[in-house]
Amino acid sequence: MAIANCPAAIGQELNIATGEEHSIGDLANELIAQINPNAKIVCEEERLRPEKSEVNRLLGDSTKMRALTGWKPEYTFEQGLAETVAWIRDNLDTYKVGQYIL
C-alpha cells in the first residue's frame, strides 16, 4: 500500500526487503523450530549443487523504498514464518498433502 500511495514511486524499481540476510539453512532451522523441533536436516551429497552453479547469497536493500514511502518491515523473520505456518495449518484442506505435483 505504501507504494500505491506514493506518486514518487511511479516508474521506480523498489526492493521490499528487510536488509537482513537469511540462508536456506536459517529458513530450514527456523521452520523446524516452529513446526517439529525433533526433525533433522538430511543432506544428500548427490543433491548438492555445484559450488559455482548459482548465486549463493542475496540481500535486498530497501533504502530507496524507505526513503520514498516511509515504509518499514512490520514483521521479523520469525514472526513472518510463524504467521505463514499458522495460515497453512488453517488451510491444509486446500493442499494436496503427500502428493508431488509438477
Protein backbone atom coordinates (compact mmCIF):
# COMPACT_ATOMS: atom_id res chain seq x y z
CA MET A 1 0.00 0.00 0.00
CA ALA A 2 2.94 2.32 0.70
CA ILE A 3 3.98 2.08 -2.96
CA ALA A 4 0.43 2.51 -4.28
CA ASN A 5 0.00 5.66 -2.21
CA CYS A 6 3.31 7.21 -3.29
CA PRO A 7 3.29 9.14 -6.59
CA ALA A 8 7.11 9.44 -6.42
CA ALA A 9 7.33 5.64 -6.64
CA ILE A 10 5.77 5.53 -10.11
CA GLY A 11 8.29 4.08 -12.54
CA GLN A 12 10.83 3.35 -9.81
CA GLU A 13 12.48 0.00 -9.16
CA LEU A 14 11.98 -0.71 -5.47
CA ASN A 15 13.04 -3.58 -3.23
CA ILE A 16 10.66 -4.63 -0.50
CA ALA A 17 13.20 -6.16 1.87
CA THR A 18 14.33 -6.13 5.47
CA GLY A 19 18.01 -5.68 4.69
CA GLU A 20 18.72 -8.83 6.70
CA GLU A 21 20.24 -11.92 5.14
CA HIS A 22 18.87 -15.40 5.85
CA SER A 23 20.27 -18.57 4.35
CA ILE A 24 18.22 -21.57 3.28
CA GLY A 25 19.72 -23.25 6.36
CA ASP A 26 18.38 -20.42 8.54
CA LEU A 27 14.96 -20.89 6.96
CA ALA A 28 15.02 -24.66 7.42
CA ASN A 29 16.17 -24.39 11.04
CA GLU A 30 13.50 -21.82 11.91
CA LEU A 31 10.77 -23.92 10.29
CA ILE A 32 12.00 -26.97 12.19
CA ALA A 33 11.93 -24.98 15.44
CA GLN A 34 8.36 -23.82 14.77
CA ILE A 35 6.88 -26.99 13.30
CA ASN A 36 8.76 -30.01 14.62
CA PRO A 37 11.79 -29.44 16.87
CA ASN A 38 12.65 -33.15 16.62
CA ALA A 39 13.10 -33.03 12.84
CA LYS A 40 16.61 -33.27 11.40
CA ILE A 41 18.04 -31.96 8.14
CA VAL A 42 19.42 -34.73 5.95
CA CYS A 43 21.86 -33.66 3.28
CA GLU A 44 22.28 -35.96 0.28
CA GLU A 45 25.60 -35.40 -1.47
CA GLU A 46 24.17 -36.08 -4.94
CA ARG A 47 21.58 -33.32 -4.46
CA LEU A 48 24.10 -30.60 -3.64
CA ARG A 49 24.55 -28.05 -6.39
CA PRO A 50 28.00 -27.44 -7.81
CA GLU A 51 29.74 -24.62 -5.94
CA LYS A 52 29.67 -22.08 -8.79
CA SER A 53 26.29 -23.06 -10.27
CA GLU A 54 24.17 -20.36 -8.65
CA VAL A 55 24.21 -17.16 -6.68
CA ASN A 56 24.90 -18.22 -3.11
CA ARG A 57 23.79 -15.05 -1.35
CA LEU A 58 21.12 -12.44 -1.96
CA LEU A 59 20.38 -9.43 0.18
CA GLY A 60 17.61 -6.96 -0.60
CA ASP A 61 18.21 -3.27 0.05
CA SER A 62 15.06 -1.26 0.69
CA THR A 63 16.81 2.08 1.25
CA LYS A 64 15.11 3.67 -1.76
CA MET A 65 11.71 2.24 -0.83
CA ARG A 66 12.02 3.54 2.73
CA ALA A 67 13.15 6.99 1.59
CA LEU A 68 10.27 7.38 -0.88
CA THR A 69 7.46 5.92 1.17
CA GLY A 70 8.50 5.76 4.81
CA TRP A 71 7.77 2.03 4.70
CA LYS A 72 9.48 -0.31 7.13
CA PRO A 73 9.04 -4.03 7.84
CA GLU A 74 6.38 -4.87 10.40
CA TYR A 75 7.41 -8.47 10.98
CA THR A 76 10.61 -10.18 11.98
CA PHE A 77 11.79 -13.22 10.04
CA GLU A 78 10.46 -15.47 12.79
CA GLN A 79 7.10 -13.66 13.04
CA GLY A 80 6.56 -13.82 9.28
CA LEU A 81 7.26 -17.53 9.20
CA ALA A 82 5.02 -18.14 12.23
CA GLU A 83 2.12 -16.35 10.56
CA THR A 84 2.71 -18.26 7.31
CA VAL A 85 2.88 -21.61 9.14
CA ALA A 86 -0.35 -20.79 11.00
CA TRP A 87 -2.11 -19.86 7.76
CA ILE A 88 -1.02 -23.08 6.06
CA ARG A 89 -2.13 -25.13 9.07
CA ASP A 90 -5.54 -23.45 8.93
CA ASN A 91 -5.84 -24.10 5.19
CA LEU A 92 -4.36 -27.59 4.75
CA ASP A 93 -7.57 -28.77 3.13
CA THR A 94 -6.71 -26.64 0.08
CA TYR A 95 -3.40 -28.51 -0.45
CA LYS A 96 -2.81 -31.95 -1.92
CA VAL A 97 -0.69 -33.08 1.03
CA GLY A 98 1.52 -36.07 0.32
CA GLN A 99 1.33 -35.65 -3.46
CA TYR A 100 4.13 -34.40 -5.68
CA ILE A 101 2.53 -32.07 -8.22
CA LEU A 102 4.54 -30.70 -11.12
